[in-house]
C-alpha atoms as a PDB file:
ATOM      1  CA  UNK A   1     243.298 -92.546  57.718  1.00  0.00           C
ATOM      2  CA  UNK A   2     240.252 -94.502  56.611  1.00  0.00           C
ATOM      3  CA  UNK A   3     240.901 -97.532  54.492  1.00  0.00           C
ATOM      4  CA  UNK A   4     238.409-100.028  53.148  1.00  0.00           C
ATOM      5  CA  UNK A   5     238.913-103.629  54.262  1.00  0.00           C
ATOM      6  CA  UNK A   6     240.409-105.857  51.594  1.00  0.00           C
ATOM      7  CA  UNK A   7     238.425-108.751  50.149  1.00  0.00           C
ATOM      8  CA  UNK A   8     239.420-112.051  48.613  1.00  0.00           C
ATOM      9  CA  UNK A   9     237.548-115.083  47.328  1.00  0.00           C
ATOM     10  CA  UNK A  10     236.709-117.601  50.037  1.00  0.00           C
ATOM     11  CA  UNK A  11     239.192-120.426  49.599  1.00  0.00           C
ATOM     12  CA  UNK A  12     238.572-124.069  50.465  1.00  0.00           C
ATOM     13  CA  UNK A  13     241.050-123.669  53.331  1.00  0.00           C
ATOM     14  CA  UNK A  14     239.175-120.611  54.667  1.00  0.00           C
ATOM     15  CA  UNK A  15     235.858-122.461  54.436  1.00  0.00           C
ATOM     16  CA  UNK A  16     237.320-125.487  56.229  1.00  0.00           C
ATOM     17  CA  UNK A  17     238.470-123.348  59.146  1.00  0.00           C
ATOM     18  CA  UNK A  18     235.194-121.413  59.373  1.00  0.00           C
ATOM     19  CA  UNK A  19     233.019-124.536  59.255  1.00  0.00           C
ATOM     20  CA  UNK A  20     235.145-126.357  61.819  1.00  0.00           C
ATOM     21  CA  UNK A  21     235.046-123.361  64.196  1.00  0.00           C
ATOM     22  CA  UNK A  22     231.284-122.871  63.829  1.00  0.00           C
ATOM     23  CA  UNK A  23     230.635-126.591  64.276  1.00  0.00           C
ATOM     24  CA  UNK A  24     232.738-126.717  67.436  1.00  0.00           C
ATOM     25  CA  UNK A  25     231.037-123.561  68.743  1.00  0.00           C
ATOM     26  CA  UNK A  26     227.672-125.310  68.443  1.00  0.00           C
ATOM     27  CA  UNK A  27     229.059-128.489  69.995  1.00  0.00           C
ATOM     28  CA  UNK A  28     228.120-130.519  66.919  1.00  0.00           C
ATOM     29  CA  UNK A  29     229.867-133.603  65.598  1.00  0.00           C
ATOM     30  CA  UNK A  30     230.431-133.978  61.876  1.00  0.00           C
ATOM     31  CA  UNK A  31     227.573-136.477  61.907  1.00  0.00           C
ATOM     32  CA  UNK A  32     225.228-133.932  63.509  1.00  0.00           C
ATOM     33  CA  UNK A  33     226.206-131.247  61.002  1.00  0.00           C
ATOM     34  CA  UNK A  34     225.546-133.713  58.191  1.00  0.00           C
ATOM     35  CA  UNK A  35     222.065-134.397  59.578  1.00  0.00           C
ATOM     36  CA  UNK A  36     221.281-130.683  60.004  1.00  0.00           C
ATOM     37  CA  UNK A  37     222.482-129.788  56.493  1.00  0.00           C
ATOM     38  CA  UNK A  38     221.109-132.822  54.690  1.00  0.00           C
ATOM     39  CA  UNK A  39     224.607-133.476  53.354  1.00  0.00           C
ATOM     40  CA  UNK A  40     226.548-136.683  53.788  1.00  0.00           C
ATOM     41  CA  UNK A  41     229.061-137.018  56.598  1.00  0.00           C
ATOM     42  CA  UNK A  42     231.710-137.616  53.922  1.00  0.00           C
ATOM     43  CA  UNK A  43     230.864-134.226  52.364  1.00  0.00           C
ATOM     44  CA  UNK A  44     231.328-132.548  55.759  1.00  0.00           C
ATOM     45  CA  UNK A  45     234.687-134.317  56.086  1.00  0.00           C
ATOM     46  CA  UNK A  46     235.709-133.064  52.633  1.00  0.00           C
ATOM     47  CA  UNK A  47     234.729-129.502  53.516  1.00  0.00           C
ATOM     48  CA  UNK A  48     236.731-129.622  56.751  1.00  0.00           C
ATOM     49  CA  UNK A  49     239.691-131.160  54.926  1.00  0.00           C
ATOM     50  CA  UNK A  50     239.734-128.169  52.574  1.00  0.00           C
ATOM     51  CA  UNK A  51     238.697-130.124  49.500  1.00  0.00           C
ATOM     52  CA  UNK A  52     236.748-128.403  46.742  1.00  0.00           C
ATOM     53  CA  UNK A  53     233.004-127.999  47.260  1.00  0.00           C
ATOM     54  CA  UNK A  54     230.087-126.516  45.361  1.00  0.00           C
ATOM     55  CA  UNK A  55     227.521-123.749  45.835  1.00  0.00           C
ATOM     56  CA  UNK A  56     224.823-126.205  46.996  1.00  0.00           C
ATOM     57  CA  UNK A  57     227.083-127.381  49.827  1.00  0.00           C
ATOM     58  CA  UNK A  58     227.927-123.794  50.783  1.00  0.00           C
ATOM     59  CA  UNK A  59     224.229-122.846  50.931  1.00  0.00           C
ATOM     60  CA  UNK A  60     223.357-125.887  53.058  1.00  0.00           C
ATOM     61  CA  UNK A  61     226.132-124.978  55.504  1.00  0.00           C
ATOM     62  CA  UNK A  62     225.082-121.321  55.664  1.00  0.00           C
ATOM     63  CA  UNK A  63     221.485-122.343  56.432  1.00  0.00           C
ATOM     64  CA  UNK A  64     222.611-124.799  59.114  1.00  0.00           C
ATOM     65  CA  UNK A  65     224.633-122.114  60.878  1.00  0.00           C
ATOM     66  CA  UNK A  66     221.750-119.635  60.704  1.00  0.00           C
ATOM     67  CA  UNK A  67     223.141-117.156  58.184  1.00  0.00           C
ATOM     68  CA  UNK A  68     220.456-114.868  56.749  1.00  0.00           C
ATOM     69  CA  UNK A  69     222.433-114.747  53.503  1.00  0.00           C
ATOM     70  CA  UNK A  70     222.445-118.347  52.325  1.00  0.00           C
ATOM     71  CA  UNK A  71     225.183-117.432  49.851  1.00  0.00           C
ATOM     72  CA  UNK A  72     227.492-116.310  52.652  1.00  0.00           C
ATOM     73  CA  UNK A  73     230.066-118.971  51.760  1.00  0.00           C
ATOM     74  CA  UNK A  74     229.813-118.408  47.996  1.00  0.00           C
ATOM     75  CA  UNK A  75     231.394-114.977  47.854  1.00  0.00           C
ATOM     76  CA  UNK A  76     234.347-113.115  49.193  1.00  0.00           C
ATOM     77  CA  UNK A  77     235.580-112.641  52.727  1.00  0.00           C
ATOM     78  CA  UNK A  78     236.649-109.340  54.178  1.00  0.00           C
ATOM     79  CA  UNK A  79     239.942-108.859  55.946  1.00  0.00           C
ATOM     80  CA  UNK A  80     240.439-105.741  58.037  1.00  0.00           C
ATOM     81  CA  UNK A  81     243.750-104.026  57.525  1.00  0.00           C
ATOM     82  CA  UNK A  82     245.560-103.919  60.901  1.00  0.00           C
ATOM     83  CA  UNK A  83     246.026-100.416  62.273  1.00  0.00           C
ATOM     84  CA  UNK A  84     243.564 -98.791  59.884  1.00  0.00           C
ATOM     85  CA  UNK A  85     240.063 -97.694  60.739  1.00  0.00           C
ATOM     86  CA  UNK A  86     237.290 -98.718  58.423  1.00  0.00           C
ATOM     87  CA  UNK A  87     234.171 -96.754  57.627  1.00  0.00           C
ATOM     88  CA  UNK A  88     231.817 -96.806  60.603  1.00  0.00           C
ATOM     89  CA  UNK A  89     234.430 -97.803  63.166  1.00  0.00           C
END
């Protein structure tokens, strides 16, 4: 059975987890991420606390983490359905 992965809007909580994981993977402090993005350290703290953010912040984060699609954090995220194959897998 082939089933398409489900999608949902990227929540503030999802973004917080993703940003924290990517930052730790790079070995960056919140201060370093702020410098790389051009955002304030307080904005980085808000993102990682799951507070609401805007498209400008999302784009700055996507660029800092090297995403080709700078709107990567402005859309939906895909969740694979356990036990189901998706197209191409």
